[in-house]
Amino acid sequence: MHIVAHPSILYLGTPVALLSTVNEDGSHNLAPMSSIFWIGYRCFLGLQSISKTPENLRRTRELVINMPSPDQVAAVDRLARTTGTYPVPEDKIDRGYRYERDKFEIARLTRVPSETVEAPRILECPVQMEAVLEHEHGYDQDGPLAGYIAVFEVRITRVHVDESILMEGNPNRIDPDKWRPLIMSFQEYYGLGPKLHPSRLGEIAEELYRTPDFARAAEDLLATAD
């Protein structure tokens, strides 16, 4: 039986991402988040507008989206309630946040250079996506959340994948039976269980979903190799 409910948040289960960006002094910021989804080689990120990551993204127009597995959950949680913004915004103070300049050190994660952007990748994360900012979209433009929430559309320029989660015989396809993203559900961490049922969509070749952005990334890779 269903009843009308009013949850304060609606995080019913989304993957956790660690966003790495470059600060104005050349140091690096690292931010955990889970308001994220992909369409083709575009990714949409929902972030608090006055946070350090949006500030860096607007200035440099680039970032890396690092996808942790459950193996990195402790590192992700060490970043919880930390911010690269100083002074700490009042609403974050109310939620117990503190300022940390070196998020990589706090998380005990390892920086590795990217190939198409200046922001670093995270060695420990099985999936790392370099990306550039294409658009910032308005959010609640005439309402109370205008200027508080920002929605960024970024284009993926390079994808790095740990070989252990690739499909055997296909270096361009991630095996969903091997890849287990870290999931945030109502502020708690979870992983994925085994596959429940065969999928008819899974019978469609992934290549049929390629967009022009895929071709741009592939051309950039070939140019780099040359």
C-alpha atoms as a PDB file:
ATOM      1  CA  MET A   1       0.000   0.000   0.000  1.00  0.00           C
ATOM      2  CA  HIS A   2       1.394   3.415  -0.982  1.00  0.00           C
ATOM      3  CA  ILE A   3       1.082   6.549   1.126  1.00  0.00           C
ATOM      4  CA  VAL A   4       2.030  10.142   0.371  1.00  0.00           C
ATOM      5  CA  ALA A   5       5.501  10.856   1.787  1.00  0.00           C
ATOM      6  CA  HIS A   6       7.733  13.927   1.865  1.00  0.00           C
ATOM      7  CA  PRO A   7      11.397  12.801   1.948  1.00  0.00           C
ATOM      8  CA  SER A   8      13.820  15.718   2.389  1.00  0.00           C
ATOM      9  CA  ILE A   9      16.102  14.235  -0.288  1.00  0.00           C
ATOM     10  CA  LEU A  10      15.442  11.947  -3.241  1.00  0.00           C
ATOM     11  CA  TYR A  11      18.762  10.125  -3.598  1.00  0.00           C
ATOM     12  CA  LEU A  12      17.268   6.764  -4.539  1.00  0.00           C
ATOM     13  CA  GLY A  13      20.584   5.387  -5.802  1.00  0.00           C
ATOM     14  CA  THR A  14      23.126   6.968  -8.146  1.00  0.00           C
ATOM     15  CA  PRO A  15      26.836   6.309  -8.804  1.00  0.00           C
ATOM     16  CA  VAL A  16      29.427   8.208  -6.806  1.00  0.00           C
ATOM     17  CA  ALA A  17      31.969  10.269  -8.753  1.00  0.00           C
ATOM     18  CA  LEU A  18      35.119  12.047  -7.611  1.00  0.00           C
ATOM     19  CA  LEU A  19      35.622  15.258  -9.587  1.00  0.00           C
ATOM     20  CA  SER A  20      39.179  16.542  -9.872  1.00  0.00           C
ATOM     21  CA  THR A  21      39.812  20.145 -10.944  1.00  0.00           C
ATOM     22  CA  VAL A  22      42.660  22.676 -10.884  1.00  0.00           C
ATOM     23  CA  ASN A  23      42.641  25.511  -8.341  1.00  0.00           C
ATOM     24  CA  GLU A  24      43.692  29.042  -9.216  1.00  0.00           C
ATOM     25  CA  ASP A  25      47.140  28.473  -7.658  1.00  0.00           C
ATOM     26  CA  GLY A  26      47.744  25.281  -9.656  1.00  0.00           C
ATOM     27  CA  SER A  27      46.925  22.896  -6.801  1.00  0.00           C
ATOM     28  CA  HIS A  28      44.167  20.310  -7.177  1.00  0.00           C
ATOM     29  CA  ASN A  29      40.684  20.027  -5.749  1.00  0.00           C
ATOM     30  CA  LEU A  30      38.795  16.768  -5.319  1.00  0.00           C
ATOM     31  CA  ALA A  31      35.057  16.600  -4.711  1.00  0.00           C
ATOM     32  CA  PRO A  32      32.744  13.604  -4.187  1.00  0.00           C
ATOM     33  CA  MET A  33      29.285  13.879  -5.705  1.00  0.00           C
ATOM     34  CA  SER A  34      26.465  11.714  -7.043  1.00  0.00           C
ATOM     35  CA  SER A  35      24.064  14.045  -8.882  1.00  0.00           C
ATOM     36  CA  ILE A  36      25.289  12.805 -12.232  1.00  0.00           C
ATOM     37  CA  PHE A  37      24.142  11.112 -15.438  1.00  0.00           C
ATOM     38  CA  TRP A  38      25.392  10.476 -18.976  1.00  0.00           C
ATOM     39  CA  ILE A  39      23.921  10.734 -22.463  1.00  0.00           C
ATOM     40  CA  GLY A  40      26.379   9.469 -25.060  1.00  0.00           C
ATOM     41  CA  TYR A  41      29.730  11.173 -24.521  1.00  0.00           C
ATOM     42  CA  ARG A  42      28.068  14.012 -22.557  1.00  0.00           C
ATOM     43  CA  CYS A  43      27.815  14.044 -18.789  1.00  0.00           C
ATOM     44  CA  PHE A  44      25.526  16.243 -16.682  1.00  0.00           C
ATOM     45  CA  LEU A  45      26.648  17.312 -13.204  1.00  0.00           C
ATOM     46  CA  GLY A  46      24.497  18.918 -10.533  1.00  0.00           C
ATOM     47  CA  LEU A  47      26.558  20.912  -8.019  1.00  0.00           C
ATOM     48  CA  GLN A  48      26.148  23.624  -5.420  1.00  0.00           C
ATOM     49  CA  SER A  49      26.956  26.715  -7.442  1.00  0.00           C
ATOM     50  CA  ILE A  50      29.266  28.449  -4.961  1.00  0.00           C
ATOM     51  CA  SER A  51      31.425  25.361  -4.307  1.00  0.00           C
ATOM     52  CA  LYS A  52      35.064  25.102  -5.350  1.00  0.00           C
ATOM     53  CA  THR A  53      34.483  22.616  -8.180  1.00  0.00           C
ATOM     54  CA  PRO A  54      32.054  24.915 -10.080  1.00  0.00           C
ATOM     55  CA  GLU A  55      34.440  27.823  -9.501  1.00  0.00           C
ATOM     56  CA  ASN A  56      37.331  25.856 -10.987  1.00  0.00           C
ATOM     57  CA  LEU A  57      35.232  24.408 -13.799  1.00  0.00           C
ATOM     58  CA  ARG A  58      34.022  27.835 -14.915  1.00  0.00           C
ATOM     59  CA  ARG A  59      37.585  29.183 -14.930  1.00  0.00           C
ATOM     60  CA  THR A  60      39.474  26.250 -16.538  1.00  0.00           C
ATOM     61  CA  ARG A  61      36.558  24.624 -18.410  1.00  0.00           C
ATOM     62  CA  GLU A  62      37.894  21.136 -17.705  1.00  0.00           C
ATOM     63  CA  LEU A  63      37.866  18.338 -15.128  1.00  0.00           C
ATOM     64  CA  VAL A  64      38.241  14.593 -14.654  1.00  0.00           C
ATOM     65  CA  ILE A  65      35.297  12.432 -13.596  1.00  0.00           C
ATOM     66  CA  ASN A  66      36.788   9.559 -11.598  1.00  0.00           C
ATOM     67  CA  MET A  67      34.481   6.625 -10.858  1.00  0.00           C
ATOM     68  CA  PRO A  68      35.302   4.721  -7.642  1.00  0.00           C
ATOM     69  CA  SER A  69      34.361   1.129  -6.930  1.00  0.00           C
ATOM     70  CA  PRO A  70      33.373  -0.151  -3.471  1.00  0.00           C
ATOM     71  CA  ASP A  71      37.110  -0.718  -2.894  1.00  0.00           C
ATOM     72  CA  GLN A  72      37.530   3.062  -2.626  1.00  0.00           C
ATOM     73  CA  VAL A  73      34.612   3.700  -0.259  1.00  0.00           C
ATOM     74  CA  ALA A  74      36.844   4.595   2.711  1.00  0.00           C
ATOM     75  CA  ALA A  75      38.721   7.150   0.606  1.00  0.00           C
ATOM     76  CA  VAL A  76      35.453   8.684  -0.572  1.00  0.00           C
ATOM     77  CA  ASP A  77      34.149   8.902   2.972  1.00  0.00           C
ATOM     78  CA  ARG A  78      37.336  10.652   4.142  1.00  0.00           C
ATOM     79  CA  LEU A  79      36.345  13.476   1.782  1.00  0.00           C
ATOM     80  CA  ALA A  80      32.848  13.735   3.234  1.00  0.00           C
ATOM     81  CA  ARG A  81      32.073  17.118   4.788  1.00  0.00           C
ATOM     82  CA  THR A  82      35.256  18.706   3.445  1.00  0.00           C
ATOM     83  CA  THR A  83      35.366  21.696   1.108  1.00  0.00           C
ATOM     84  CA  GLY A  84      38.009  23.498  -0.908  1.00  0.00           C
ATOM     85  CA  THR A  85      36.178  26.804  -0.427  1.00  0.00           C
ATOM     86  CA  TYR A  86      37.556  29.239   2.144  1.00  0.00           C
ATOM     87  CA  PRO A  87      35.910  30.597   4.129  1.00  0.00           C
ATOM     88  CA  VAL A  88      33.461  27.713   4.418  1.00  0.00           C
ATOM     89  CA  PRO A  89      29.956  28.751   3.235  1.00  0.00           C
ATOM     90  CA  GLU A  90      27.469  29.147   6.076  1.00  0.00           C
ATOM     91  CA  ASP A  91      25.159  26.362   4.927  1.00  0.00           C
ATOM     92  CA  LYS A  92      28.124  23.972   4.879  1.00  0.00           C
ATOM     93  CA  ILE A  93      29.198  25.081   8.341  1.00  0.00           C
ATOM     94  CA  ASP A  94      25.713  24.139   9.544  1.00  0.00           C
ATOM     95  CA  ARG A  95      26.264  20.652   8.092  1.00  0.00           C
ATOM     96  CA  GLY A  96      29.648  20.207   9.728  1.00  0.00           C
ATOM     97  CA  TYR A  97      31.955  20.872   6.776  1.00  0.00           C
ATOM     98  CA  ARG A  98      35.581  21.969   7.206  1.00  0.00           C
ATOM     99  CA  TYR A  99      38.103  23.507   4.823  1.00  0.00           C
ATOM    100  CA  GLU A 100      40.819  21.227   3.418  1.00  0.00           C
ATOM    101  CA  ARG A 101      43.369  22.493   0.903  1.00  0.00           C
ATOM    102  CA  ASP A 102      44.812  19.127  -0.199  1.00  0.00           C
ATOM    103  CA  LYS A 103      41.946  16.728  -0.758  1.00  0.00           C
ATOM    104  CA  PHE A 104      44.188  14.059  -2.334  1.00  0.00           C
ATOM    105  CA  GLU A 105      46.222  13.850   0.866  1.00  0.00           C
ATOM    106  CA  ILE A 106      43.089  13.676   3.037  1.00  0.00           C
ATOM    107  CA  ALA A 107      41.614  10.892   0.864  1.00  0.00           C
ATOM    108  CA  ARG A 108      44.981   9.089   0.535  1.00  0.00           C
ATOM    109  CA  LEU A 109      44.549   8.851  -3.216  1.00  0.00           C
ATOM    110  CA  THR A 110      47.181   9.084  -5.948  1.00  0.00           C
ATOM    111  CA  ARG A 111      47.335  11.745  -8.666  1.00  0.00           C
ATOM    112  CA  VAL A 112      48.274  10.682 -12.196  1.00  0.00           C
ATOM    113  CA  PRO A 113      48.564  13.022 -15.210  1.00  0.00           C
ATOM    114  CA  SER A 114      45.738  13.301 -17.706  1.00  0.00           C
ATOM    115  CA  GLU A 115      46.239  13.398 -21.473  1.00  0.00           C
ATOM    116  CA  THR A 116      43.750  16.003 -22.732  1.00  0.00           C
ATOM    117  CA  VAL A 117      43.188  18.209 -19.657  1.00  0.00           C
ATOM    118  CA  GLU A 118      45.318  19.660 -16.867  1.00  0.00           C
ATOM    119  CA  ALA A 119      43.252  18.200 -14.016  1.00  0.00           C
ATOM    120  CA  PRO A 120      44.711  14.939 -12.653  1.00  0.00           C
ATOM    121  CA  ARG A 121      43.179  11.486 -12.714  1.00  0.00           C
ATOM    122  CA  ILE A 122      42.905   9.231  -9.645  1.00  0.00           C
ATOM    123  CA  LEU A 123      45.042   6.116 -10.008  1.00  0.00           C
ATOM    124  CA  GLU A 124      42.882   3.985  -7.702  1.00  0.00           C
ATOM    125  CA  CYS A 125      39.597   4.592  -9.554  1.00  0.00           C
ATOM    126  CA  PRO A 126      38.832   1.893 -12.165  1.00  0.00           C
ATOM    127  CA  VAL A 127      37.245   4.406 -14.572  1.00  0.00           C
ATOM    128  CA  GLN A 128      38.589   7.896 -15.277  1.00  0.00           C
ATOM    129  CA  MET A 129      36.961  10.274 -17.772  1.00  0.00           C
ATOM    130  CA  GLU A 130      38.678  13.457 -18.903  1.00  0.00           C
ATOM    131  CA  ALA A 131      36.162  16.115 -19.905  1.00  0.00           C
ATOM    132  CA  VAL A 132      35.695  19.711 -21.012  1.00  0.00           C
ATOM    133  CA  LEU A 133      32.854  22.090 -20.186  1.00  0.00           C
ATOM    134  CA  GLU A 134      30.381  22.665 -23.012  1.00  0.00           C
ATOM    135  CA  HIS A 135      27.469  24.425 -21.284  1.00  0.00           C
ATOM    136  CA  GLU A 136      26.206  25.597 -17.923  1.00  0.00           C
ATOM    137  CA  HIS A 137      22.438  25.275 -17.770  1.00  0.00           C
ATOM    138  CA  GLY A 138      20.046  27.381 -15.728  1.00  0.00           C
ATOM    139  CA  TYR A 139      18.344  25.845 -12.712  1.00  0.00           C
ATOM    140  CA  ASP A 140      15.116  27.194 -11.221  1.00  0.00           C
ATOM    141  CA  GLN A 141      15.852  30.507 -12.938  1.00  0.00           C
ATOM    142  CA  ASP A 142      12.883  32.354 -11.476  1.00  0.00           C
ATOM    143  CA  GLY A 143      12.736  30.459  -8.192  1.00  0.00           C
ATOM    144  CA  PRO A 144      14.476  30.264  -4.817  1.00  0.00           C
ATOM    145  CA  LEU A 145      17.237  27.921  -6.057  1.00  0.00           C
ATOM    146  CA  ALA A 146      18.421  30.285  -8.797  1.00  0.00           C
ATOM    147  CA  GLY A 147      22.153  30.791  -8.304  1.00  0.00           C
ATOM    148  CA  TYR A 148      22.334  28.081  -5.634  1.00  0.00           C
ATOM    149  CA  ILE A 149      22.419  24.988  -7.864  1.00  0.00           C
ATOM    150  CA  ALA A 150      24.400  24.710 -11.099  1.00  0.00           C
ATOM    151  CA  VAL A 151      23.965  22.115 -13.853  1.00  0.00           C
ATOM    152  CA  PHE A 152      27.041  21.574 -16.021  1.00  0.00           C
ATOM    153  CA  GLU A 153      27.121  19.722 -19.338  1.00  0.00           C
ATOM    154  CA  VAL A 154      30.589  18.361 -20.070  1.00  0.00           C
ATOM    155  CA  ARG A 155      31.949  16.447 -23.051  1.00  0.00           C
ATOM    156  CA  ILE A 156      34.141  13.403 -22.485  1.00  0.00           C
ATOM    157  CA  THR A 157      37.491  13.698 -24.299  1.00  0.00           C
ATOM    158  CA  ARG A 158      39.346  10.610 -23.066  1.00  0.00           C
ATOM    159  CA  VAL A 159      38.329   7.469 -21.151  1.00  0.00           C
ATOM    160  CA  HIS A 160      40.766   5.370 -19.093  1.00  0.00           C
ATOM    161  CA  VAL A 161      39.579   1.933 -17.929  1.00  0.00           C
ATOM    162  CA  ASP A 162      41.269  -0.637 -15.706  1.00  0.00           C
ATOM    163  CA  GLU A 163      41.877  -3.751 -17.825  1.00  0.00           C
ATOM    164  CA  SER A 164      40.355  -5.952 -15.132  1.00  0.00           C
ATOM    165  CA  ILE A 165      36.836  -4.674 -15.863  1.00  0.00           C
ATOM    166  CA  LEU A 166      36.975  -4.872 -19.664  1.00  0.00           C
ATOM    167  CA  MET A 167      35.031  -7.474 -21.611  1.00  0.00           C
ATOM    168  CA  GLU A 168      37.238 -10.329 -22.760  1.00  0.00           C
ATOM    169  CA  GLY A 169      38.202  -9.881 -26.396  1.00  0.00           C
ATOM    170  CA  ASN A 170      36.794  -6.340 -26.578  1.00  0.00           C
ATOM    171  CA  PRO A 171      39.086  -3.585 -25.287  1.00  0.00           C
ATOM    172  CA  ASN A 172      36.440  -0.921 -25.913  1.00  0.00           C
ATOM    173  CA  ARG A 173      33.645  -2.396 -23.814  1.00  0.00           C
ATOM    174  CA  ILE A 174      33.285  -2.418 -20.043  1.00  0.00           C
ATOM    175  CA  ASP A 175      31.934  -5.721 -18.758  1.00  0.00           C
ATOM    176  CA  PRO A 176      28.940  -5.033 -16.466  1.00  0.00           C
ATOM    177  CA  ASP A 177      29.581  -8.364 -14.740  1.00  0.00           C
ATOM    178  CA  LYS A 178      33.027  -7.094 -13.689  1.00  0.00           C
ATOM    179  CA  TRP A 179      32.368  -3.380 -13.076  1.00  0.00           C
ATOM    180  CA  ARG A 180      30.779  -2.522  -9.747  1.00  0.00           C
ATOM    181  CA  PRO A 181      30.282   1.215  -9.174  1.00  0.00           C
ATOM    182  CA  LEU A 182      30.004   2.707  -5.714  1.00  0.00           C
ATOM    183  CA  ILE A 183      26.389   3.773  -5.183  1.00  0.00           C
ATOM    184  CA  MET A 184      24.992   6.531  -2.954  1.00  0.00           C
ATOM    185  CA  SER A 185      21.454   5.904  -1.723  1.00  0.00           C
ATOM    186  CA  PHE A 186      19.934   8.311   0.808  1.00  0.00           C
ATOM    187  CA  GLN A 187      23.415   9.366   2.001  1.00  0.00           C
ATOM    188  CA  GLU A 188      24.618   5.786   2.544  1.00  0.00           C
ATOM    189  CA  TYR A 189      27.111   3.748   0.472  1.00  0.00           C
ATOM    190  CA  TYR A 190      26.124   0.609  -1.412  1.00  0.00           C
ATOM    191  CA  GLY A 191      27.431  -1.590  -4.216  1.00  0.00           C
ATOM    192  CA  LEU A 192      25.675  -3.514  -6.973  1.00  0.00           C
ATOM    193  CA  GLY A 193      24.606  -7.129  -6.688  1.00  0.00           C
ATOM    194  CA  PRO A 194      24.776  -9.712  -9.497  1.00  0.00           C
ATOM    195  CA  LYS A 195      22.779  -9.352 -12.700  1.00  0.00           C
ATOM    196  CA  LEU A 196      19.106 -10.123 -12.108  1.00  0.00           C
ATOM    197  CA  HIS A 197      17.786 -10.892 -15.585  1.00  0.00           C
ATOM    198  CA  PRO A 198      19.003 -10.958 -19.207  1.00  0.00           C
ATOM    199  CA  SER A 199      18.413  -7.652 -20.992  1.00  0.00           C
ATOM    200  CA  ARG A 200      17.008  -7.283 -24.499  1.00  0.00           C
ATOM    201  CA  LEU A 201      18.741  -3.901 -24.700  1.00  0.00           C
ATOM    202  CA  GLY A 202      21.982  -5.702 -23.930  1.00  0.00           C
ATOM    203  CA  GLU A 203      21.626  -7.521 -27.249  1.00  0.00           C
ATOM    204  CA  ILE A 204      22.143  -4.238 -29.149  1.00  0.00           C
ATOM    205  CA  ALA A 205      25.741  -3.611 -30.205  1.00  0.00           C
ATOM    206  CA  GLU A 206      27.208  -0.720 -28.194  1.00  0.00           C
ATOM    207  CA  GLU A 207      28.690   0.739 -31.380  1.00  0.00           C
ATOM    208  CA  LEU A 208      25.163   1.656 -32.506  1.00  0.00           C
ATOM    209  CA  TYR A 209      24.979   4.202 -29.682  1.00  0.00           C
ATOM    210  CA  ARG A 210      28.029   6.186 -30.794  1.00  0.00           C
ATOM    211  CA  THR A 211      27.528   9.934 -31.237  1.00  0.00           C
ATOM    212  CA  PRO A 212      29.657  12.572 -33.024  1.00  0.00           C
ATOM    213  CA  ASP A 213      31.321  13.261 -29.649  1.00  0.00           C
ATOM    214  CA  PHE A 214      32.725   9.720 -29.727  1.00  0.00           C
ATOM    215  CA  ALA A 215      34.276  10.416 -33.124  1.00  0.00           C
ATOM    216  CA  ARG A 216      35.806  13.664 -31.832  1.00  0.00           C
ATOM    217  CA  ALA A 217      37.407  11.830 -28.893  1.00  0.00           C
ATOM    218  CA  ALA A 218      38.686   9.066 -31.184  1.00  0.00           C
ATOM    219  CA  GLU A 219      40.171  11.611 -33.625  1.00  0.00           C
ATOM    220  CA  ASP A 220      41.918  13.411 -30.752  1.00  0.00           C
ATOM    221  CA  LEU A 221      43.384  10.076 -29.613  1.00  0.00           C
ATOM    222  CA  LEU A 222      44.731   9.319 -33.089  1.00  0.00           C
ATOM    223  CA  ALA A 223      46.214  12.802 -33.326  1.00  0.00           C
ATOM    224  CA  THR A 224      47.958  12.315 -29.997  1.00  0.00           C
ATOM    225  CA  ALA A 225      49.374   8.968 -31.155  1.00  0.00           C
ATOM    226  CA  ASP A 226      50.750  10.578 -34.323  1.00  0.00           C
END
